[in-house]
Structure formats: C-alpha cells, structure tokens
Amino acid sequence: MRKISKYVLHDILRNRILVAYVVLLSLSSFGLFLMNEDVSKGLSSLLTVLLIVVPLVSILFTTIYFFNSYEFIELLVSQPLKRSNILLGVYCGVGLSLLLAFWLGIGLPVLIFDATIVGWYFLLSGTLLTMVFVSLAFLASVLTRDKARGIGISVLLWFYFTLIFDGIILMVMFAFSDYPLEKLTIFMSCFNPVDLARILVLLKMDISALMGYTGAIFNQFFGSSFGIVLAVTVMLTWVLVPIVIALRIFKGKNL
C-alpha cells in the first residue's frame, strides 16, 4: 500500500492541474490578505474559496484521476495484492497530494498573516473538507465504470452539499417558522460537512453576533469544547464512511 501511495503521490505532483490549483489558491490567498488591511476581513473573504473551490477541485480532480488511472488499477488487481490495499494506496496518494496543495496554497499564507487560533481552525476545516470530498469522489468513482457518469455523480454531490442543502434548510425553517428550530438546525447541520466547516470558522471569527438568536444557539453549542469535538468527530465520520463503503463495493466489483 505504501509503494502504491508513493507512486500515486509522485505521479500527481508532476500534474499541471495540481500546480495550477496551488497557484490559484496562492494568488487568491495573498491577494485577499494584501487587499484588506484587516486580516479578519481577508480571512472571511478567503472562506468562500475554502467552502466552494476546495471541495469542487478535490472531488473533481480525484474522480478524473481515478478514471484516468483505471488501467493502472486493473493491472494492480491482476497481481497478488489485496484490493483494499490497492484502493487505500491510491486514496492516500491522492489525498496527500491535495492536502499538500491546500497547505501550500492556503495554509502558508494563512500562517504568515494570521497564525492565531482562528487561522488554525480555518486550516483544520480545510484539511477535513479536502479529505471528505476525496472520500466522496472515491465512492462516486466505484459506483460506475463510466467516466462521464462518475464525474456527473461527483458534480451532483458537490451541488448538493454546497447549494441544495442550504435551500432545504431554508425551506424547513420557512415552513416551520412558528416552532423552535434551533436544535433541529444544529442536528441537520451534521448532515453537511460544508456547513460544519462554515460554522466552526465563523464562530471562531466572532461573526456569530451577526447571526441573531440562531447564531447565539450555535455559538453556545459549537463554541463549547464538547461542540467542537463533536463537530470534528462528525467531519471525520464524513471522511471514513464514504471510503469504507467504497472499499466494500470495490472488493466485490467486476473490473
């Protein structure tokens, strides 16, 4: 598994798309910090990149790389190697390369301009989001043999977590506006890793005061040590569950 991970990591580090991704993140990060005199404003602007661009690139790049490496994976499967080691080897290689790109493109500028607890929470959220969407991409990739369909599933997953889910939350809150929904909203936010990442960063930036009563409830829950541990645990679950399901499907799949 380690040799497969090293090979995949070395292969991806020469990929021009990954280099372009690092350059894009670096330009966005340094640009936003240098254009805003207040570091917190630069960080809040960079939050959009974290919640939209990082998940999109992570899930699309992983899906495309998986299908482009299908012949290599088939060759490995024909060897006396465990399928679980093959898939986990590719998974670790892709995940490490995208994490390296994230830390070079966003992690370095954040540590230069805002190496505070807020900055570290920002980087923790980005790290977990990257791995969540890499796991989801592997799940989408093993569900089908068709590359176009796999990319379509990945794009739909990204749409759901970044756009559609918020619309569902708003519809529920509007339909049941006469009832206290704060606790239900906290519960529902656990079903979206993008929402969890957004909440963790915003609460640490003290923007919850602008979110009204709901923000106060969120701050009371996710601002506590228990709430933070729970949020990180739920996001780790989002990393593990899709890749475990992908492993089970891949073991029984006829390539």
Protein backbone atom coordinates (compact mmCIF):
# COMPACT_ATOMS: atom_id res chain seq x y z
CA MET A 1 0.00 0.00 0.00
CA ARG A 2 2.84 2.37 0.86
CA LYS A 3 4.54 1.81 -2.50
CA ILE A 4 1.28 2.47 -4.34
CA SER A 5 0.76 5.68 -2.34
CA LYS A 6 4.29 6.87 -3.13
CA TYR A 7 3.85 6.13 -6.83
CA VAL A 8 0.48 7.96 -6.98
CA LEU A 9 1.83 10.91 -4.98
CA HIS A 10 4.88 11.20 -7.24
CA ASP A 11 2.68 10.91 -10.32
CA ILE A 12 0.23 13.61 -9.18
CA LEU A 13 2.93 16.05 -8.06
CA ARG A 14 4.00 16.29 -11.73
CA ASN A 15 0.43 17.03 -12.79
CA ARG A 16 -0.01 20.53 -14.25
CA ILE A 17 -3.57 20.79 -12.96
CA LEU A 18 -2.36 20.37 -9.39
CA VAL A 19 0.31 23.03 -9.94
CA ALA A 20 -2.37 25.36 -11.36
CA TYR A 21 -4.53 24.63 -8.31
CA VAL A 22 -1.69 25.65 -5.96
CA VAL A 23 -1.05 28.82 -7.96
CA LEU A 24 -4.77 29.71 -7.96
CA LEU A 25 -5.06 29.22 -4.19
CA SER A 26 -1.83 31.16 -3.54
CA LEU A 27 -2.89 34.12 -5.71
CA SER A 28 -6.33 34.19 -4.09
CA SER A 29 -4.93 33.95 -0.56
CA PHE A 30 -2.14 36.51 -0.87
CA GLY A 31 -4.38 38.81 -2.92
CA LEU A 32 -7.21 38.82 -0.39
CA PHE A 33 -4.87 39.35 2.57
CA LEU A 34 -2.93 42.15 0.85
CA MET A 35 -6.07 43.95 -0.38
CA ASN A 36 -7.62 44.04 3.10
CA GLU A 37 -5.88 45.97 5.88
CA ASP A 38 -7.90 43.99 8.42
CA VAL A 39 -6.65 40.40 8.46
CA SER A 40 -10.01 39.07 9.65
CA LYS A 41 -11.71 40.54 6.54
CA GLY A 42 -9.17 38.82 4.33
CA LEU A 43 -9.80 35.54 6.13
CA SER A 44 -13.59 35.89 5.86
CA SER A 45 -13.24 36.57 2.10
CA LEU A 46 -10.99 33.52 1.78
CA LEU A 47 -13.72 31.46 3.45
CA THR A 48 -15.68 31.46 0.16
CA VAL A 49 -12.71 29.84 -1.58
CA LEU A 50 -12.47 27.31 1.23
CA LEU A 51 -16.15 26.33 1.07
CA ILE A 52 -16.67 26.41 -2.72
CA VAL A 53 -13.40 25.96 -4.62
CA VAL A 54 -11.58 23.48 -2.36
CA PRO A 55 -14.45 20.90 -2.29
CA LEU A 56 -15.08 21.30 -6.04
CA VAL A 57 -11.45 20.79 -7.06
CA SER A 58 -10.97 17.96 -4.55
CA ILE A 59 -13.94 15.91 -5.75
CA LEU A 60 -13.46 16.58 -9.49
CA PHE A 61 -9.69 16.08 -9.55
CA THR A 62 -9.97 12.83 -7.59
CA THR A 63 -12.75 11.45 -9.79
CA ILE A 64 -10.95 12.27 -13.04
CA TYR A 65 -7.64 10.90 -11.73
CA PHE A 66 -9.34 7.66 -10.62
CA PHE A 67 -10.86 7.02 -14.06
CA ASN A 68 -7.67 8.05 -15.87
CA SER A 69 -5.79 5.51 -13.71
CA TYR A 70 -8.28 2.70 -14.34
CA GLU A 71 -5.86 0.64 -16.45
CA PHE A 72 -3.18 1.00 -13.76
CA ILE A 73 -5.68 -0.12 -11.10
CA GLU A 74 -6.75 -3.08 -13.25
CA LEU A 75 -3.09 -4.07 -13.62
CA LEU A 76 -2.64 -3.95 -9.84
CA VAL A 77 -5.80 -6.01 -9.31
CA SER A 78 -4.38 -8.72 -11.59
CA GLN A 79 -1.38 -9.01 -9.25
CA PRO A 80 -1.47 -10.94 -5.93
CA LEU A 81 -2.42 -7.83 -3.98
CA LYS A 82 -5.38 -7.20 -1.70
CA ARG A 83 -7.96 -4.94 -3.32
CA SER A 84 -8.31 -2.99 -0.08
CA ASN A 85 -4.56 -2.19 -0.15
CA ILE A 86 -4.80 -1.08 -3.77
CA LEU A 87 -7.71 1.29 -3.24
CA LEU A 88 -6.35 2.66 0.05
CA GLY A 89 -2.93 3.15 -1.57
CA VAL A 90 -4.45 5.25 -4.38
CA TYR A 91 -6.68 7.05 -1.84
CA CYS A 92 -3.74 8.02 0.39
CA GLY A 93 -1.67 9.17 -2.59
CA VAL A 94 -4.45 11.39 -3.98
CA GLY A 95 -5.41 12.69 -0.52
CA LEU A 96 -1.83 13.58 0.43
CA SER A 97 -1.22 15.41 -2.84
CA LEU A 98 -4.40 17.51 -2.48
CA LEU A 99 -3.60 18.24 1.17
CA LEU A 100 -0.11 19.34 0.17
CA ALA A 101 -1.62 21.64 -2.46
CA PHE A 102 -4.08 23.08 0.08
CA TRP A 103 -1.38 23.76 2.67
CA LEU A 104 0.93 25.36 0.10
CA GLY A 105 -1.82 27.46 -1.49
CA ILE A 106 -3.84 28.49 1.57
CA GLY A 107 -2.07 27.14 4.66
CA LEU A 108 1.16 29.07 4.09
CA PRO A 109 -0.49 32.50 3.51
CA VAL A 110 -2.85 32.00 6.49
CA LEU A 111 0.08 31.14 8.78
CA ILE A 112 2.00 34.18 7.53
CA PHE A 113 -0.85 36.67 8.01
CA ASP A 114 -3.00 35.14 10.77
CA ALA A 115 -1.29 32.39 12.76
CA THR A 116 -3.91 32.62 15.50
CA ILE A 117 -6.43 30.09 16.80
CA VAL A 118 -8.84 31.35 14.11
CA GLY A 119 -6.28 30.61 11.40
CA TRP A 120 -5.65 27.12 12.75
CA TYR A 121 -9.40 26.38 12.84
CA PHE A 122 -9.56 27.62 9.24
CA LEU A 123 -6.82 25.21 8.20
CA LEU A 124 -8.33 22.33 10.19
CA SER A 125 -11.66 22.87 8.42
CA GLY A 126 -9.96 22.99 5.01
CA THR A 127 -7.97 19.83 5.73
CA LEU A 128 -11.09 17.90 6.77
CA LEU A 129 -13.13 19.26 3.84
CA THR A 130 -10.44 18.16 1.38
CA MET A 131 -10.42 14.60 2.73
CA VAL A 132 -14.25 14.45 2.92
CA PHE A 133 -14.57 15.26 -0.77
CA VAL A 134 -11.73 12.93 -1.75
CA SER A 135 -13.64 10.13 0.05
CA LEU A 136 -16.90 11.11 -1.68
CA ALA A 137 -15.08 11.12 -5.04
CA PHE A 138 -13.84 7.56 -4.48
CA LEU A 139 -17.37 6.47 -3.60
CA ALA A 140 -18.73 8.10 -6.76
CA SER A 141 -15.96 6.50 -8.84
CA VAL A 142 -16.54 2.90 -7.73
CA LEU A 143 -20.31 3.18 -8.24
CA THR A 144 -19.94 3.16 -12.02
CA ARG A 145 -17.49 2.14 -14.77
CA ASP A 146 -18.47 5.09 -16.95
CA LYS A 147 -16.23 8.15 -16.54
CA ALA A 148 -18.87 10.71 -17.58
CA ARG A 149 -21.40 9.23 -15.17
CA GLY A 150 -18.83 9.21 -12.34
CA ILE A 151 -17.99 12.87 -12.92
CA GLY A 152 -21.73 13.63 -13.04
CA ILE A 153 -22.29 11.96 -9.68
CA SER A 154 -19.39 13.92 -8.19
CA VAL A 155 -20.72 17.23 -9.51
CA LEU A 156 -24.19 16.43 -8.14
CA LEU A 157 -22.69 15.65 -4.72
CA TRP A 158 -20.83 18.97 -4.75
CA PHE A 159 -24.02 20.83 -5.77
CA TYR A 160 -25.97 19.10 -3.01
CA PHE A 161 -23.53 19.90 -0.21
CA THR A 162 -22.67 23.47 -1.26
CA LEU A 163 -26.00 24.76 -2.63
CA ILE A 164 -29.01 22.42 -2.46
CA PHE A 165 -28.65 21.51 1.22
CA ASP A 166 -28.84 25.17 2.29
CA GLY A 167 -32.02 25.53 0.23
CA ILE A 168 -33.57 22.55 2.02
CA ILE A 169 -32.66 24.06 5.41
CA LEU A 170 -34.23 27.38 4.42
CA MET A 171 -37.42 25.63 3.23
CA VAL A 172 -37.72 23.72 6.52
CA MET A 173 -37.13 26.88 8.57
CA PHE A 174 -39.70 28.80 6.48
CA ALA A 175 -42.33 26.02 6.62
CA PHE A 176 -41.99 25.56 10.39
CA SER A 177 -41.11 29.11 11.35
CA ASP A 178 -43.70 29.06 14.17
CA TYR A 179 -41.77 26.35 16.01
CA PRO A 180 -38.38 26.48 17.79
CA LEU A 181 -35.99 25.01 15.22
CA GLU A 182 -32.57 25.89 16.64
CA LYS A 183 -31.82 22.40 17.98
CA LEU A 184 -33.17 20.80 14.78
CA THR A 185 -30.93 23.12 12.72
CA ILE A 186 -27.88 22.06 14.74
CA PHE A 187 -28.82 18.41 14.18
CA MET A 188 -29.36 18.90 10.44
CA SER A 189 -26.05 20.74 10.05
CA CYS A 190 -24.30 17.47 10.99
CA PHE A 191 -25.51 16.05 7.67
CA ASN A 192 -23.44 18.56 5.71
CA PRO A 193 -19.64 18.77 6.24
CA VAL A 194 -19.52 22.11 4.37
CA ASP A 195 -21.96 23.61 6.87
CA LEU A 196 -19.93 22.26 9.79
CA ALA A 197 -16.74 23.78 8.40
CA ARG A 198 -18.50 27.12 7.85
CA ILE A 199 -19.93 27.15 11.38
CA LEU A 200 -16.61 26.29 13.03
CA VAL A 201 -14.74 29.07 11.23
CA LEU A 202 -17.46 31.73 11.58
CA LEU A 203 -17.93 31.12 15.28
CA LYS A 204 -14.20 31.43 15.91
CA MET A 205 -14.25 34.72 13.97
CA ASP A 206 -16.93 36.07 16.34
CA ILE A 207 -19.29 36.72 13.45
CA SER A 208 -21.99 34.73 15.27
CA ALA A 209 -23.10 38.02 16.83
CA LEU A 210 -24.40 39.00 13.37
CA MET A 211 -26.37 35.76 13.05
CA GLY A 212 -29.02 36.67 15.59
CA TYR A 213 -30.62 34.26 18.05
CA THR A 214 -29.74 31.19 15.96
CA GLY A 215 -26.12 32.30 15.93
CA ALA A 216 -26.20 32.56 19.72
CA ILE A 217 -27.52 28.97 19.95
CA PHE A 218 -24.84 27.79 17.52
CA ASN A 219 -22.20 29.68 19.49
CA GLN A 220 -23.41 28.16 22.75
CA PHE A 221 -23.23 24.63 21.31
CA PHE A 222 -20.34 24.64 18.82
CA GLY A 223 -18.37 27.21 20.84
CA SER A 224 -18.04 24.75 23.72
CA SER A 225 -15.31 22.12 23.89
CA PHE A 226 -17.93 19.40 23.52
CA GLY A 227 -19.43 21.05 20.45
CA ILE A 228 -16.02 21.47 18.77
CA VAL A 229 -15.04 17.85 19.48
CA LEU A 230 -18.43 16.67 18.20
CA ALA A 231 -18.14 18.75 15.01
CA VAL A 232 -14.62 17.44 14.28
CA THR A 233 -15.76 13.88 15.05
CA VAL A 234 -18.72 14.20 12.67
CA MET A 235 -16.43 15.53 9.93
CA LEU A 236 -14.01 12.63 10.49
CA THR A 237 -17.03 10.33 10.14
CA TRP A 238 -17.74 12.01 6.81
CA VAL A 239 -14.17 11.13 5.80
CA LEU A 240 -14.37 7.49 6.91
CA VAL A 241 -17.89 6.36 5.95
CA PRO A 242 -17.71 7.05 2.16
CA ILE A 243 -14.27 5.43 1.77
CA VAL A 244 -15.34 2.37 3.83
CA ILE A 245 -18.43 1.96 1.60
CA ALA A 246 -16.22 2.45 -1.48
CA LEU A 247 -13.87 -0.28 -0.22
CA ARG A 248 -16.75 -2.74 0.23
CA ILE A 249 -18.03 -2.02 -3.29
CA PHE A 250 -14.55 -2.18 -4.84
CA LYS A 251 -13.81 -5.58 -3.23
CA GLY A 252 -16.81 -7.18 -4.94
CA LYS A 253 -16.68 -5.22 -8.19
CA ASN A 254 -16.03 -6.93 -11.51
CA LEU A 255 -13.49 -4.65 -13.20
